[in-house]
């Protein structure tokens, strides 16, 4: 799966899990917490949806907000899991 496909699918998930965020205008390099108000709970919901969408599994240690500075970090993690 191409990185752009991963990004597009993750943006769909963001649109569902973060209703206050306009997924079409998300800057994937911006800070999850500072720029988009992502907290631990919303991150976990996003990751659970990503696990189902991409058929990947995140370890418990990968569920911490401090592991991801931006949406790009989440995209990179999914990309690695798909290889």
C-alpha atoms as a PDB file:
ATOM      1  CA  UNK A   1       0.000   0.000   0.000  1.00  0.00           C
ATOM      2  CA  UNK A   2       1.338   3.419  -0.964  1.00  0.00           C
ATOM      3  CA  UNK A   3       1.959   6.068   1.680  1.00  0.00           C
ATOM      4  CA  UNK A   4      -0.617   8.349   0.015  1.00  0.00           C
ATOM      5  CA  UNK A   5      -3.248   5.598   0.346  1.00  0.00           C
ATOM      6  CA  UNK A   6      -2.394   5.204   4.036  1.00  0.00           C
ATOM      7  CA  UNK A   7      -2.650   8.966   4.514  1.00  0.00           C
ATOM      8  CA  UNK A   8      -6.021   9.168   2.726  1.00  0.00           C
ATOM      9  CA  UNK A   9      -7.484   6.347   4.802  1.00  0.00           C
ATOM     10  CA  UNK A  10      -6.121   7.817   8.037  1.00  0.00           C
ATOM     11  CA  UNK A  11      -7.662  11.175   7.131  1.00  0.00           C
ATOM     12  CA  UNK A  12     -11.026   9.404   6.796  1.00  0.00           C
ATOM     13  CA  UNK A  13     -10.536   7.952  10.278  1.00  0.00           C
ATOM     14  CA  UNK A  14      -9.559  11.383  11.613  1.00  0.00           C
ATOM     15  CA  UNK A  15     -12.771  12.792  10.167  1.00  0.00           C
ATOM     16  CA  UNK A  16     -14.790  10.147  12.006  1.00  0.00           C
ATOM     17  CA  UNK A  17     -12.952  10.193  15.331  1.00  0.00           C
ATOM     18  CA  UNK A  18     -12.171  13.912  15.567  1.00  0.00           C
ATOM     19  CA  UNK A  19     -15.364  15.668  14.460  1.00  0.00           C
ATOM     20  CA  UNK A  20     -13.979  19.108  15.339  1.00  0.00           C
ATOM     21  CA  UNK A  21     -11.120  18.627  12.859  1.00  0.00           C
ATOM     22  CA  UNK A  22     -11.631  19.288   9.155  1.00  0.00           C
ATOM     23  CA  UNK A  23      -9.886  16.220   7.739  1.00  0.00           C
ATOM     24  CA  UNK A  24      -9.611  17.848   4.307  1.00  0.00           C
ATOM     25  CA  UNK A  25      -7.376  20.589   5.680  1.00  0.00           C
ATOM     26  CA  UNK A  26      -5.261  18.583   8.138  1.00  0.00           C
ATOM     27  CA  UNK A  27      -1.551  19.372   8.137  1.00  0.00           C
ATOM     28  CA  UNK A  28      -0.082  15.937   8.832  1.00  0.00           C
ATOM     29  CA  UNK A  29       3.173  17.512  10.043  1.00  0.00           C
ATOM     30  CA  UNK A  30       1.460  19.610  12.735  1.00  0.00           C
ATOM     31  CA  UNK A  31       1.397  18.633  16.392  1.00  0.00           C
ATOM     32  CA  UNK A  32      -1.352  16.180  17.313  1.00  0.00           C
ATOM     33  CA  UNK A  33      -1.912  17.611  20.768  1.00  0.00           C
ATOM     34  CA  UNK A  34      -1.054  21.282  20.292  1.00  0.00           C
ATOM     35  CA  UNK A  35      -2.620  21.925  16.887  1.00  0.00           C
ATOM     36  CA  UNK A  36      -5.473  19.414  16.810  1.00  0.00           C
ATOM     37  CA  UNK A  37      -6.299  18.786  20.462  1.00  0.00           C
ATOM     38  CA  UNK A  38      -5.701  15.042  20.225  1.00  0.00           C
ATOM     39  CA  UNK A  39      -5.691  13.467  23.666  1.00  0.00           C
ATOM     40  CA  UNK A  40      -4.911   9.915  24.760  1.00  0.00           C
ATOM     41  CA  UNK A  41      -8.496   8.736  24.367  1.00  0.00           C
ATOM     42  CA  UNK A  42      -8.943  10.127  20.851  1.00  0.00           C
ATOM     43  CA  UNK A  43      -5.551   8.716  19.834  1.00  0.00           C
ATOM     44  CA  UNK A  44      -6.523   5.243  21.033  1.00  0.00           C
ATOM     45  CA  UNK A  45      -9.867   5.426  19.189  1.00  0.00           C
ATOM     46  CA  UNK A  46      -8.023   6.501  16.039  1.00  0.00           C
ATOM     47  CA  UNK A  47      -5.506   3.655  16.401  1.00  0.00           C
ATOM     48  CA  UNK A  48      -8.239   1.055  17.010  1.00  0.00           C
ATOM     49  CA  UNK A  49      -9.940   2.200  13.792  1.00  0.00           C
ATOM     50  CA  UNK A  50      -6.593   2.127  11.972  1.00  0.00           C
ATOM     51  CA  UNK A  51      -5.942  -1.426  13.170  1.00  0.00           C
ATOM     52  CA  UNK A  52      -9.224  -2.525  11.616  1.00  0.00           C
ATOM     53  CA  UNK A  53      -8.798  -0.497   8.428  1.00  0.00           C
ATOM     54  CA  UNK A  54      -5.238  -1.633   7.716  1.00  0.00           C
ATOM     55  CA  UNK A  55      -5.346  -5.074   9.366  1.00  0.00           C
ATOM     56  CA  UNK A  56      -2.395  -4.250  11.611  1.00  0.00           C
ATOM     57  CA  UNK A  57      -1.840  -4.517  15.350  1.00  0.00           C
ATOM     58  CA  UNK A  58      -0.350  -1.850  17.615  1.00  0.00           C
ATOM     59  CA  UNK A  59       1.424  -3.011  20.777  1.00  0.00           C
ATOM     60  CA  UNK A  60       0.277  -1.529  24.084  1.00  0.00           C
ATOM     61  CA  UNK A  61       3.467   0.535  24.268  1.00  0.00           C
ATOM     62  CA  UNK A  62       2.553   2.116  20.918  1.00  0.00           C
ATOM     63  CA  UNK A  63      -0.688   3.537  22.297  1.00  0.00           C
ATOM     64  CA  UNK A  64       0.882   6.443  24.188  1.00  0.00           C
ATOM     65  CA  UNK A  65       0.310   9.947  22.866  1.00  0.00           C
ATOM     66  CA  UNK A  66       3.955  10.847  23.462  1.00  0.00           C
ATOM     67  CA  UNK A  67       4.967   8.299  20.789  1.00  0.00           C
ATOM     68  CA  UNK A  68       3.436  10.459  18.041  1.00  0.00           C
ATOM     69  CA  UNK A  69       4.251  14.109  17.475  1.00  0.00           C
ATOM     70  CA  UNK A  70       2.188  14.354  14.290  1.00  0.00           C
ATOM     71  CA  UNK A  71      -0.194  12.416  12.068  1.00  0.00           C
ATOM     72  CA  UNK A  72       2.833  11.689   9.865  1.00  0.00           C
ATOM     73  CA  UNK A  73       4.291   9.677  12.751  1.00  0.00           C
ATOM     74  CA  UNK A  74       1.129   7.553  12.845  1.00  0.00           C
ATOM     75  CA  UNK A  75       1.249   7.148   9.039  1.00  0.00           C
ATOM     76  CA  UNK A  76       4.917   6.065   9.223  1.00  0.00           C
ATOM     77  CA  UNK A  77       4.129   3.516  11.931  1.00  0.00           C
ATOM     78  CA  UNK A  78       1.300   2.023   9.877  1.00  0.00           C
ATOM     79  CA  UNK A  79       3.500   1.966   6.783  1.00  0.00           C
ATOM     80  CA  UNK A  80       6.190   0.005   8.681  1.00  0.00           C
ATOM     81  CA  UNK A  81       3.592  -2.457   9.956  1.00  0.00           C
ATOM     82  CA  UNK A  82       2.364  -3.095   6.416  1.00  0.00           C
ATOM     83  CA  UNK A  83       5.831  -4.002   5.114  1.00  0.00           C
END
